[in-house]
Amino acid sequence: MVSGASRAVRRGLPAALVVAAAATASFSGVACTAASRGRVRPGEEMLSLLDRGVTEDAEGRVFATRLRGLRPSLLRERERRLLEGGPLLDSRSRSAFHSFGHCSLATEEVYSLDDRELEESLARLLFSTAAAARAQGFDVQVSRFDLFHGHLFLRAHGCGLGILLHAAEYPARCKDSFPVNLGFCQEGSTVQYSDHRMRYRNILVLFSTGLPSQGFVLDASSALVEALIPEYARAPLYTLYEEALGEPMADVYFLPRASCEPDASSAQASAASCPGHETGKLGWIPRGKLRARMLQGQSGNLQSKL
């Protein structure tokens, strides 16, 4: 896992066992204005530029590409409010996410959202984001080697939420271009490493207060984005962490329907063979306060039965 690989190096853990840490908080509902923001962290400063439609830094270098094909209507107002309030997870829906032999994409069991309409809307949004990026020339597919997870985070000062997606998660190991061992989930990878591809692996969906949903592909080599990435996570990994953008709420995992997932054992396997509308179920891993809230609820239910 590229997103976890640099963390694994820092912590001395096997990359295949690392899943991005996250936490949660409730949405304040305060309008996101210059007055309410106060002291702005660098990550929020970049997000506020994107809110205003600015995709170039002070030197005129492009640091983000807006996804024109992403339709805001994919997430209705009621669903936005549910998301902003901190999504409730169905504790009865706990299950294992997809595994492939010794490869487990998620090292914890996952949950579904309690609100099925919100779950379906977010699934459509995530798959549509990948399709929009692909339509604008970015090499990204929803598959177990490329894009299959993201991180929901809460922005500061009531500015809304966002989902940071990580594409090119398991590039094929190559002696010359990418001699990095990412464990079992890397085996059979159809994602060929290239510096250009990895620079654009961080994809951002923003649910900003008072604005339509927007999607962006970030350039991790640009000065503005690179400043948010720890030195150990820069080239060749180019991994921006959600903690740099806000307070993490949950990890979300997704794949096409099982019948649509290419056979990784085949040399001809290609995620392109899977139509974007074949959305599979989402799997959520709660973190921080959201996890604590779930555990508290489960404890309360248990005590009521005693």
C-alpha atoms as a PDB file:
ATOM      1  CA  MET A   1       0.000   0.000   0.000  1.00  0.00           C
ATOM      2  CA  VAL A   2       1.702   3.168  -1.194  1.00  0.00           C
ATOM      3  CA  SER A   3      -0.304   5.387   1.151  1.00  0.00           C
ATOM      4  CA  GLY A   4       0.770   3.256   4.081  1.00  0.00           C
ATOM      5  CA  ALA A   5       4.255   2.440   2.843  1.00  0.00           C
ATOM      6  CA  SER A   6       5.850   5.674   3.971  1.00  0.00           C
ATOM      7  CA  ARG A   7       4.104   5.456   7.322  1.00  0.00           C
ATOM      8  CA  ALA A   8       5.332   1.889   7.596  1.00  0.00           C
ATOM      9  CA  VAL A   9       8.892   3.022   7.004  1.00  0.00           C
ATOM     10  CA  ARG A  10       8.550   5.594   9.742  1.00  0.00           C
ATOM     11  CA  ARG A  11       6.984   3.167  12.225  1.00  0.00           C
ATOM     12  CA  GLY A  12       8.953   0.083  11.272  1.00  0.00           C
ATOM     13  CA  LEU A  13       5.782  -1.830  10.292  1.00  0.00           C
ATOM     14  CA  PRO A  14       5.154  -4.005   7.231  1.00  0.00           C
ATOM     15  CA  ALA A  15       3.549  -1.864   4.543  1.00  0.00           C
ATOM     16  CA  ALA A  16       0.852  -4.455   3.833  1.00  0.00           C
ATOM     17  CA  LEU A  17      -0.410  -4.162   7.419  1.00  0.00           C
ATOM     18  CA  VAL A  18      -0.705  -0.384   7.478  1.00  0.00           C
ATOM     19  CA  VAL A  19      -4.079   1.287   7.045  1.00  0.00           C
ATOM     20  CA  ALA A  20      -4.322   5.089   7.151  1.00  0.00           C
ATOM     21  CA  ALA A  21      -5.290   6.366  10.599  1.00  0.00           C
ATOM     22  CA  ALA A  22      -8.353   8.580  10.899  1.00  0.00           C
ATOM     23  CA  ALA A  23     -10.595  10.223  13.482  1.00  0.00           C
ATOM     24  CA  THR A  24     -13.935  11.999  13.521  1.00  0.00           C
ATOM     25  CA  ALA A  25     -15.699  15.093  14.812  1.00  0.00           C
ATOM     26  CA  SER A  26     -19.168  16.585  14.481  1.00  0.00           C
ATOM     27  CA  PHE A  27     -19.834  19.273  11.922  1.00  0.00           C
ATOM     28  CA  SER A  28     -20.165  22.768  13.376  1.00  0.00           C
ATOM     29  CA  GLY A  29     -22.365  24.251  10.655  1.00  0.00           C
ATOM     30  CA  VAL A  30     -20.583  27.619  10.907  1.00  0.00           C
ATOM     31  CA  ALA A  31     -20.270  29.462   7.621  1.00  0.00           C
ATOM     32  CA  CYS A  32     -16.772  29.282   6.213  1.00  0.00           C
ATOM     33  CA  THR A  33     -15.642  32.894   5.898  1.00  0.00           C
ATOM     34  CA  ALA A  34     -12.336  34.688   6.325  1.00  0.00           C
ATOM     35  CA  ALA A  35     -13.581  36.026   9.657  1.00  0.00           C
ATOM     36  CA  SER A  36     -14.539  32.599  10.983  1.00  0.00           C
ATOM     37  CA  ARG A  37     -11.371  30.882   9.825  1.00  0.00           C
ATOM     38  CA  GLY A  38      -9.017  32.898  12.001  1.00  0.00           C
ATOM     39  CA  ARG A  39      -5.554  31.397  11.839  1.00  0.00           C
ATOM     40  CA  VAL A  40      -5.527  29.211   8.746  1.00  0.00           C
ATOM     41  CA  ARG A  41      -3.446  26.035   8.479  1.00  0.00           C
ATOM     42  CA  PRO A  42      -1.611  25.498   5.177  1.00  0.00           C
ATOM     43  CA  GLY A  43      -3.899  22.625   4.209  1.00  0.00           C
ATOM     44  CA  GLU A  44      -7.046  24.682   4.758  1.00  0.00           C
ATOM     45  CA  GLU A  45      -5.460  27.583   2.900  1.00  0.00           C
ATOM     46  CA  MET A  46      -5.081  25.364  -0.156  1.00  0.00           C
ATOM     47  CA  LEU A  47      -8.654  24.125   0.188  1.00  0.00           C
ATOM     48  CA  SER A  48      -9.953  27.685   0.429  1.00  0.00           C
ATOM     49  CA  LEU A  49      -8.170  28.487  -2.838  1.00  0.00           C
ATOM     50  CA  LEU A  50      -9.940  25.553  -4.469  1.00  0.00           C
ATOM     51  CA  ASP A  51     -13.262  26.755  -3.024  1.00  0.00           C
ATOM     52  CA  ARG A  52     -12.715  30.010  -4.914  1.00  0.00           C
ATOM     53  CA  GLY A  53     -11.830  28.202  -8.119  1.00  0.00           C
ATOM     54  CA  VAL A  54      -8.123  29.026  -7.881  1.00  0.00           C
ATOM     55  CA  THR A  55      -5.918  26.193  -9.175  1.00  0.00           C
ATOM     56  CA  GLU A  56      -2.649  28.100  -9.648  1.00  0.00           C
ATOM     57  CA  ASP A  57      -0.204  29.197  -6.966  1.00  0.00           C
ATOM     58  CA  ALA A  58       1.246  32.690  -6.573  1.00  0.00           C
ATOM     59  CA  GLU A  59       3.887  31.905  -9.212  1.00  0.00           C
ATOM     60  CA  GLY A  60       1.253  30.833 -11.714  1.00  0.00           C
ATOM     61  CA  ARG A  61       2.025  27.118 -11.490  1.00  0.00           C
ATOM     62  CA  VAL A  62      -0.972  24.786 -11.658  1.00  0.00           C
ATOM     63  CA  PHE A  63      -1.303  22.736  -8.457  1.00  0.00           C
ATOM     64  CA  ALA A  64      -4.733  21.217  -9.137  1.00  0.00           C
ATOM     65  CA  THR A  65      -6.974  20.309 -12.059  1.00  0.00           C
ATOM     66  CA  ARG A  66     -10.703  20.701 -11.588  1.00  0.00           C
ATOM     67  CA  LEU A  67     -12.797  17.727 -12.669  1.00  0.00           C
ATOM     68  CA  ARG A  68     -15.361  19.199 -15.032  1.00  0.00           C
ATOM     69  CA  GLY A  69     -17.392  16.021 -15.408  1.00  0.00           C
ATOM     70  CA  LEU A  70     -18.298  15.697 -11.719  1.00  0.00           C
ATOM     71  CA  ARG A  71     -22.001  16.472 -11.286  1.00  0.00           C
ATOM     72  CA  PRO A  72     -22.895  18.183  -7.967  1.00  0.00           C
ATOM     73  CA  SER A  73     -26.400  16.706  -8.224  1.00  0.00           C
ATOM     74  CA  LEU A  74     -24.945  13.290  -7.371  1.00  0.00           C
ATOM     75  CA  LEU A  75     -25.237  14.357  -3.729  1.00  0.00           C
ATOM     76  CA  ARG A  76     -28.558  15.935  -2.765  1.00  0.00           C
ATOM     77  CA  GLU A  77     -28.957  18.571  -0.044  1.00  0.00           C
ATOM     78  CA  ARG A  78     -30.452  16.148   2.478  1.00  0.00           C
ATOM     79  CA  GLU A  79     -27.566  13.756   1.926  1.00  0.00           C
ATOM     80  CA  ARG A  80     -25.030  16.560   2.288  1.00  0.00           C
ATOM     81  CA  ARG A  81     -26.499  17.432   5.683  1.00  0.00           C
ATOM     82  CA  LEU A  82     -26.313  13.809   6.782  1.00  0.00           C
ATOM     83  CA  LEU A  83     -22.692  13.626   5.715  1.00  0.00           C
ATOM     84  CA  GLU A  84     -21.813  16.909   7.400  1.00  0.00           C
ATOM     85  CA  GLY A  85     -23.367  15.720  10.648  1.00  0.00           C
ATOM     86  CA  GLY A  86     -20.974  12.778  10.785  1.00  0.00           C
ATOM     87  CA  PRO A  87     -22.285   9.699   8.967  1.00  0.00           C
ATOM     88  CA  LEU A  88     -23.911   7.052  11.128  1.00  0.00           C
ATOM     89  CA  LEU A  89     -22.721   3.517  10.524  1.00  0.00           C
ATOM     90  CA  ASP A  90     -24.917   0.443  10.758  1.00  0.00           C
ATOM     91  CA  SER A  91     -23.291  -1.642  13.497  1.00  0.00           C
ATOM     92  CA  ARG A  92     -25.163  -4.733  12.248  1.00  0.00           C
ATOM     93  CA  SER A  93     -23.524  -4.508   8.825  1.00  0.00           C
ATOM     94  CA  ARG A  94     -19.999  -5.404   9.945  1.00  0.00           C
ATOM     95  CA  SER A  95     -18.232  -7.638   7.449  1.00  0.00           C
ATOM     96  CA  ALA A  96     -14.844  -8.301   5.897  1.00  0.00           C
ATOM     97  CA  PHE A  97     -13.894  -6.295   2.825  1.00  0.00           C
ATOM     98  CA  HIS A  98     -12.622  -8.003  -0.322  1.00  0.00           C
ATOM     99  CA  SER A  99      -9.527 -10.156   0.004  1.00  0.00           C
ATOM    100  CA  PHE A 100      -7.480 -11.842  -2.690  1.00  0.00           C
ATOM    101  CA  GLY A 101      -5.523 -14.826  -1.422  1.00  0.00           C
ATOM    102  CA  HIS A 102      -3.141 -13.497   1.221  1.00  0.00           C
ATOM    103  CA  CYS A 103      -4.031  -9.907   0.309  1.00  0.00           C
ATOM    104  CA  SER A 104      -6.516  -8.072   2.523  1.00  0.00           C
ATOM    105  CA  LEU A 105      -7.140  -4.564   1.218  1.00  0.00           C
ATOM    106  CA  ALA A 106      -8.590  -3.490   4.564  1.00  0.00           C
ATOM    107  CA  THR A 107      -7.039  -4.862   7.737  1.00  0.00           C
ATOM    108  CA  GLU A 108     -10.236  -4.278   9.722  1.00  0.00           C
ATOM    109  CA  GLU A 109     -13.856  -5.221   9.221  1.00  0.00           C
ATOM    110  CA  VAL A 110     -15.959  -2.598   7.478  1.00  0.00           C
ATOM    111  CA  TYR A 111     -19.461  -1.193   7.914  1.00  0.00           C
ATOM    112  CA  SER A 112     -22.191   0.231   5.710  1.00  0.00           C
ATOM    113  CA  LEU A 113     -23.781   3.616   6.294  1.00  0.00           C
ATOM    114  CA  ASP A 114     -27.044   3.568   8.185  1.00  0.00           C
ATOM    115  CA  ASP A 115     -28.676   5.707   5.472  1.00  0.00           C
ATOM    116  CA  ARG A 116     -28.877   3.635   2.295  1.00  0.00           C
ATOM    117  CA  GLU A 117     -29.636   6.599   0.009  1.00  0.00           C
ATOM    118  CA  LEU A 118     -26.524   8.406   1.211  1.00  0.00           C
ATOM    119  CA  GLU A 119     -24.510   5.218   0.748  1.00  0.00           C
ATOM    120  CA  GLU A 120     -25.690   4.830  -2.848  1.00  0.00           C
ATOM    121  CA  SER A 121     -25.113   8.504  -3.670  1.00  0.00           C
ATOM    122  CA  LEU A 122     -21.565   8.400  -2.328  1.00  0.00           C
ATOM    123  CA  ALA A 123     -20.847   5.213  -4.265  1.00  0.00           C
ATOM    124  CA  ARG A 124     -21.988   6.887  -7.484  1.00  0.00           C
ATOM    125  CA  LEU A 125     -19.945   9.961  -6.626  1.00  0.00           C
ATOM    126  CA  LEU A 126     -16.743   7.993  -6.012  1.00  0.00           C
ATOM    127  CA  PHE A 127     -16.998   6.010  -9.229  1.00  0.00           C
ATOM    128  CA  SER A 128     -17.978   9.143 -11.153  1.00  0.00           C
ATOM    129  CA  THR A 129     -14.927  10.936  -9.771  1.00  0.00           C
ATOM    130  CA  ALA A 130     -12.649   8.252 -11.183  1.00  0.00           C
ATOM    131  CA  ALA A 131     -14.473   8.413 -14.520  1.00  0.00           C
ATOM    132  CA  ALA A 132     -14.200  12.214 -14.626  1.00  0.00           C
ATOM    133  CA  ALA A 133     -10.454  12.062 -13.934  1.00  0.00           C
ATOM    134  CA  ARG A 134     -10.011   9.447 -16.634  1.00  0.00           C
ATOM    135  CA  ALA A 135     -11.990  11.564 -19.115  1.00  0.00           C
ATOM    136  CA  GLN A 136      -9.539  14.417 -18.546  1.00  0.00           C
ATOM    137  CA  GLY A 137      -6.522  12.283 -19.330  1.00  0.00           C
ATOM    138  CA  PHE A 138      -5.491  11.000 -15.910  1.00  0.00           C
ATOM    139  CA  ASP A 139      -4.559   7.327 -15.726  1.00  0.00           C
ATOM    140  CA  VAL A 140      -6.840   6.055 -12.969  1.00  0.00           C
ATOM    141  CA  GLN A 141      -9.142   3.049 -12.683  1.00  0.00           C
ATOM    142  CA  VAL A 142     -11.194   1.665  -9.831  1.00  0.00           C
ATOM    143  CA  SER A 143      -9.433  -1.609  -9.086  1.00  0.00           C
ATOM    144  CA  ARG A 144      -7.616  -3.336  -6.253  1.00  0.00           C
ATOM    145  CA  PHE A 145      -4.228  -2.220  -7.545  1.00  0.00           C
ATOM    146  CA  ASP A 146      -5.164   1.347  -8.392  1.00  0.00           C
ATOM    147  CA  LEU A 147      -8.016   3.278  -6.755  1.00  0.00           C
ATOM    148  CA  PHE A 148     -10.057   1.478  -4.108  1.00  0.00           C
ATOM    149  CA  HIS A 149     -10.108   3.675  -1.026  1.00  0.00           C
ATOM    150  CA  GLY A 150     -10.344   7.189   0.318  1.00  0.00           C
ATOM    151  CA  HIS A 151     -10.382   9.140   3.549  1.00  0.00           C
ATOM    152  CA  LEU A 152     -13.258  11.300   4.766  1.00  0.00           C
ATOM    153  CA  PHE A 153     -12.086  14.347   6.725  1.00  0.00           C
ATOM    154  CA  LEU A 154     -13.654  17.318   8.483  1.00  0.00           C
ATOM    155  CA  ARG A 155     -12.363  20.743   7.521  1.00  0.00           C
ATOM    156  CA  ALA A 156     -11.597  23.364  10.138  1.00  0.00           C
ATOM    157  CA  HIS A 157     -13.836  26.311  11.068  1.00  0.00           C
ATOM    158  CA  GLY A 158     -17.047  24.874   9.674  1.00  0.00           C
ATOM    159  CA  CYS A 159     -15.784  24.870   6.102  1.00  0.00           C
ATOM    160  CA  GLY A 160     -17.285  21.473   5.254  1.00  0.00           C
ATOM    161  CA  LEU A 161     -15.800  18.071   4.509  1.00  0.00           C
ATOM    162  CA  GLY A 162     -13.765  16.309   1.895  1.00  0.00           C
ATOM    163  CA  ILE A 163     -12.714  12.889   0.691  1.00  0.00           C
ATOM    164  CA  LEU A 164      -9.074  12.362  -0.243  1.00  0.00           C
ATOM    165  CA  LEU A 165      -8.710   9.475  -2.697  1.00  0.00           C
ATOM    166  CA  HIS A 166      -5.450   7.637  -3.304  1.00  0.00           C
ATOM    167  CA  ALA A 167      -4.982   6.133  -6.757  1.00  0.00           C
ATOM    168  CA  ALA A 168      -2.046   3.958  -7.898  1.00  0.00           C
ATOM    169  CA  GLU A 169      -1.981   2.282  -4.475  1.00  0.00           C
ATOM    170  CA  TYR A 170      -0.117  -0.855  -5.529  1.00  0.00           C
ATOM    171  CA  PRO A 171       2.201  -0.204  -8.485  1.00  0.00           C
ATOM    172  CA  ALA A 172       3.969  -3.245  -9.878  1.00  0.00           C
ATOM    173  CA  ARG A 173       7.390  -3.848  -8.391  1.00  0.00           C
ATOM    174  CA  CYS A 174      10.123  -3.090 -10.914  1.00  0.00           C
ATOM    175  CA  LYS A 175      13.869  -3.253 -10.374  1.00  0.00           C
ATOM    176  CA  ASP A 176      14.504  -0.045 -12.277  1.00  0.00           C
ATOM    177  CA  SER A 177      11.467   2.193 -11.772  1.00  0.00           C
ATOM    178  CA  PHE A 178       9.876   1.056  -8.475  1.00  0.00           C
ATOM    179  CA  PRO A 179      11.939  -1.441  -6.434  1.00  0.00           C
ATOM    180  CA  VAL A 180       9.565  -1.199  -3.457  1.00  0.00           C
ATOM    181  CA  ASN A 181       8.019  -4.296  -1.871  1.00  0.00           C
ATOM    182  CA  LEU A 182       4.437  -3.511  -0.824  1.00  0.00           C
ATOM    183  CA  GLY A 183       3.526  -7.039   0.214  1.00  0.00           C
ATOM    184  CA  PHE A 184       0.932  -9.556  -0.952  1.00  0.00           C
ATOM    185  CA  CYS A 185      -1.478  -6.981  -2.394  1.00  0.00           C
ATOM    186  CA  GLN A 186       1.172  -5.845  -4.865  1.00  0.00           C
ATOM    187  CA  GLU A 187       1.519  -9.288  -6.436  1.00  0.00           C
ATOM    188  CA  GLY A 188       0.158  -9.406  -9.980  1.00  0.00           C
ATOM    189  CA  SER A 189      -0.290  -5.646 -10.142  1.00  0.00           C
ATOM    190  CA  THR A 190      -1.274  -4.265 -13.534  1.00  0.00           C
ATOM    191  CA  VAL A 191      -0.395  -0.695 -12.512  1.00  0.00           C
ATOM    192  CA  GLN A 192       2.898   0.303 -14.090  1.00  0.00           C
ATOM    193  CA  TYR A 193       4.846   2.867 -12.099  1.00  0.00           C
ATOM    194  CA  SER A 194       5.642   6.201 -13.678  1.00  0.00           C
ATOM    195  CA  ASP A 195       6.622   9.434 -11.986  1.00  0.00           C
ATOM    196  CA  HIS A 196       3.942  11.315 -13.909  1.00  0.00           C
ATOM    197  CA  ARG A 197       1.196   8.917 -12.865  1.00  0.00           C
ATOM    198  CA  MET A 198       2.188   9.007  -9.207  1.00  0.00           C
ATOM    199  CA  ARG A 199       2.345  12.801  -9.086  1.00  0.00           C
ATOM    200  CA  TYR A 200      -1.386  12.859  -9.806  1.00  0.00           C
ATOM    201  CA  ARG A 201      -2.465  10.040  -7.498  1.00  0.00           C
ATOM    202  CA  ASN A 202      -4.091  12.320  -4.901  1.00  0.00           C
ATOM    203  CA  ILE A 203      -7.677  13.092  -5.900  1.00  0.00           C
ATOM    204  CA  LEU A 204      -9.836  15.388  -3.814  1.00  0.00           C
ATOM    205  CA  VAL A 205     -13.621  15.694  -3.527  1.00  0.00           C
ATOM    206  CA  LEU A 206     -14.815  18.716  -1.542  1.00  0.00           C
ATOM    207  CA  PHE A 207     -18.190  19.193   0.127  1.00  0.00           C
ATOM    208  CA  SER A 208     -17.612  22.821   1.070  1.00  0.00           C
ATOM    209  CA  THR A 209     -20.161  24.798   3.052  1.00  0.00           C
ATOM    210  CA  GLY A 210     -22.507  26.681   0.739  1.00  0.00           C
ATOM    211  CA  LEU A 211     -20.873  25.360  -2.446  1.00  0.00           C
ATOM    212  CA  PRO A 212     -21.608  22.521  -4.880  1.00  0.00           C
ATOM    213  CA  SER A 213     -19.516  19.371  -4.605  1.00  0.00           C
ATOM    214  CA  GLN A 214     -16.241  19.743  -6.501  1.00  0.00           C
ATOM    215  CA  GLY A 215     -13.485  17.349  -7.543  1.00  0.00           C
ATOM    216  CA  PHE A 216      -9.794  18.031  -8.157  1.00  0.00           C
ATOM    217  CA  VAL A 217      -6.700  16.082  -9.145  1.00  0.00           C
ATOM    218  CA  LEU A 218      -3.713  17.453  -7.228  1.00  0.00           C
ATOM    219  CA  ASP A 219      -0.156  17.749  -8.517  1.00  0.00           C
ATOM    220  CA  ALA A 220       1.962  16.410  -5.662  1.00  0.00           C
ATOM    221  CA  SER A 221       5.124  17.856  -7.208  1.00  0.00           C
ATOM    222  CA  SER A 222       3.819  21.434  -7.088  1.00  0.00           C
ATOM    223  CA  ALA A 223       5.245  23.573  -4.307  1.00  0.00           C
ATOM    224  CA  LEU A 224       1.860  24.214  -2.696  1.00  0.00           C
ATOM    225  CA  VAL A 225       0.928  20.528  -2.420  1.00  0.00           C
ATOM    226  CA  GLU A 226       4.441  19.255  -1.723  1.00  0.00           C
ATOM    227  CA  ALA A 227       4.625  21.544   1.311  1.00  0.00           C
ATOM    228  CA  LEU A 228       1.773  19.508   2.839  1.00  0.00           C
ATOM    229  CA  ILE A 229       3.521  16.160   2.293  1.00  0.00           C
ATOM    230  CA  PRO A 230       6.076  14.858   4.825  1.00  0.00           C
ATOM    231  CA  GLU A 231       9.503  14.463   3.287  1.00  0.00           C
ATOM    232  CA  TYR A 232       9.430  10.660   3.659  1.00  0.00           C
ATOM    233  CA  ALA A 233       6.164  10.489   1.647  1.00  0.00           C
ATOM    234  CA  ARG A 234       7.303  12.540  -1.339  1.00  0.00           C
ATOM    235  CA  ALA A 235       8.798  11.040  -4.518  1.00  0.00           C
ATOM    236  CA  PRO A 236       8.506   8.220  -5.425  1.00  0.00           C
ATOM    237  CA  LEU A 237       5.362   7.767  -3.281  1.00  0.00           C
ATOM    238  CA  TYR A 238       3.775  11.229  -3.634  1.00  0.00           C
ATOM    239  CA  THR A 239       1.304  10.566  -0.807  1.00  0.00           C
ATOM    240  CA  LEU A 240      -0.698  13.423   0.660  1.00  0.00           C
ATOM    241  CA  TYR A 241      -2.267  12.460   3.997  1.00  0.00           C
ATOM    242  CA  GLU A 242      -5.751  13.516   5.019  1.00  0.00           C
ATOM    243  CA  GLU A 243      -4.437  14.828   8.353  1.00  0.00           C
ATOM    244  CA  ALA A 244      -2.859  17.705   6.429  1.00  0.00           C
ATOM    245  CA  LEU A 245      -6.301  18.796   5.212  1.00  0.00           C
ATOM    246  CA  GLY A 246      -8.460  18.413   8.294  1.00  0.00           C
ATOM    247  CA  GLU A 247      -9.568  16.022  11.013  1.00  0.00           C
ATOM    248  CA  PRO A 248      -9.996  12.478   9.651  1.00  0.00           C
ATOM    249  CA  MET A 249     -13.426  10.910  10.122  1.00  0.00           C
ATOM    250  CA  ALA A 250     -13.371   7.505   8.422  1.00  0.00           C
ATOM    251  CA  ASP A 251     -11.743   5.402   5.724  1.00  0.00           C
ATOM    252  CA  VAL A 252     -13.937   4.260   2.852  1.00  0.00           C
ATOM    253  CA  TYR A 253     -13.221   1.250   0.638  1.00  0.00           C
ATOM    254  CA  PHE A 254     -14.871   0.450  -2.666  1.00  0.00           C
ATOM    255  CA  LEU A 255     -14.456  -1.831  -5.669  1.00  0.00           C
ATOM    256  CA  PRO A 256     -16.523  -2.733  -8.722  1.00  0.00           C
ATOM    257  CA  ARG A 257     -18.945  -5.598  -8.317  1.00  0.00           C
ATOM    258  CA  ALA A 258     -17.154  -8.912  -7.918  1.00  0.00           C
ATOM    259  CA  SER A 259     -18.244 -10.083 -11.365  1.00  0.00           C
ATOM    260  CA  CYS A 260     -16.616  -7.013 -12.862  1.00  0.00           C
ATOM    261  CA  GLU A 261     -13.255  -7.192 -11.076  1.00  0.00           C
ATOM    262  CA  PRO A 262     -10.501  -8.337 -13.475  1.00  0.00           C
ATOM    263  CA  ASP A 263      -8.603 -11.535 -12.771  1.00  0.00           C
ATOM    264  CA  ALA A 264      -5.252 -10.366 -11.422  1.00  0.00           C
ATOM    265  CA  SER A 265      -3.639 -13.684 -12.319  1.00  0.00           C
ATOM    266  CA  SER A 266      -4.098 -12.915 -16.002  1.00  0.00           C
ATOM    267  CA  ALA A 267      -1.386 -10.972 -17.749  1.00  0.00           C
ATOM    268  CA  GLN A 268      -4.161  -9.299 -19.733  1.00  0.00           C
ATOM    269  CA  ALA A 269      -6.064  -8.155 -16.645  1.00  0.00           C
ATOM    270  CA  SER A 270      -7.190  -4.578 -16.969  1.00  0.00           C
ATOM    271  CA  ALA A 271      -9.451  -2.469 -14.804  1.00  0.00           C
ATOM    272  CA  ALA A 272     -10.577  -0.775 -18.009  1.00  0.00           C
ATOM    273  CA  SER A 273     -12.761  -3.824 -18.651  1.00  0.00           C
ATOM    274  CA  CYS A 274     -15.025  -2.745 -15.812  1.00  0.00           C
ATOM    275  CA  PRO A 275     -17.679  -0.127 -16.653  1.00  0.00           C
ATOM    276  CA  GLY A 276     -17.878   2.760 -14.205  1.00  0.00           C
ATOM    277  CA  HIS A 277     -21.565   2.192 -13.471  1.00  0.00           C
ATOM    278  CA  GLU A 278     -20.861  -1.231 -11.956  1.00  0.00           C
ATOM    279  CA  THR A 279     -20.537   0.246  -8.487  1.00  0.00           C
ATOM    280  CA  GLY A 280     -20.015  -2.134  -5.613  1.00  0.00           C
ATOM    281  CA  LYS A 281     -20.851  -1.683  -1.945  1.00  0.00           C
ATOM    282  CA  LEU A 282     -18.886   0.756   0.157  1.00  0.00           C
ATOM    283  CA  GLY A 283     -17.032  -0.352   3.269  1.00  0.00           C
ATOM    284  CA  TRP A 284     -16.399   2.171   6.054  1.00  0.00           C
ATOM    285  CA  ILE A 285     -13.913   1.991   8.909  1.00  0.00           C
ATOM    286  CA  PRO A 286     -14.759   4.499  11.664  1.00  0.00           C
ATOM    287  CA  ARG A 287     -11.987   6.338  13.474  1.00  0.00           C
ATOM    288  CA  GLY A 288     -11.585   8.528  16.511  1.00  0.00           C
ATOM    289  CA  LYS A 289     -14.817   9.942  17.890  1.00  0.00           C
ATOM    290  CA  LEU A 290     -16.953   8.095  15.374  1.00  0.00           C
ATOM    291  CA  ARG A 291     -15.435   4.800  16.510  1.00  0.00           C
ATOM    292  CA  ALA A 292     -15.906   5.799  20.142  1.00  0.00           C
ATOM    293  CA  ARG A 293     -19.532   6.683  19.451  1.00  0.00           C
ATOM    294  CA  MET A 294     -20.139   3.286  17.867  1.00  0.00           C
ATOM    295  CA  LEU A 295     -18.479   1.443  20.744  1.00  0.00           C
ATOM    296  CA  GLN A 296     -20.491   3.459  23.247  1.00  0.00           C
ATOM    297  CA  GLY A 297     -23.694   2.572  21.414  1.00  0.00           C
ATOM    298  CA  GLN A 298     -22.786  -1.108  21.301  1.00  0.00           C
ATOM    299  CA  SER A 299     -21.932  -1.043  25.001  1.00  0.00           C
ATOM    300  CA  GLY A 300     -25.275   0.600  25.761  1.00  0.00           C
ATOM    301  CA  ASN A 301     -27.145  -2.033  23.781  1.00  0.00           C
ATOM    302  CA  LEU A 302     -25.281  -4.803  25.605  1.00  0.00           C
ATOM    303  CA  GLN A 303     -26.025  -3.332  29.034  1.00  0.00           C
ATOM    304  CA  SER A 304     -29.716  -3.013  28.175  1.00  0.00           C
ATOM    305  CA  LYS A 305     -29.809  -6.763  27.496  1.00  0.00           C
ATOM    306  CA  LEU A 306     -28.184  -7.706  30.809  1.00  0.00           C
END
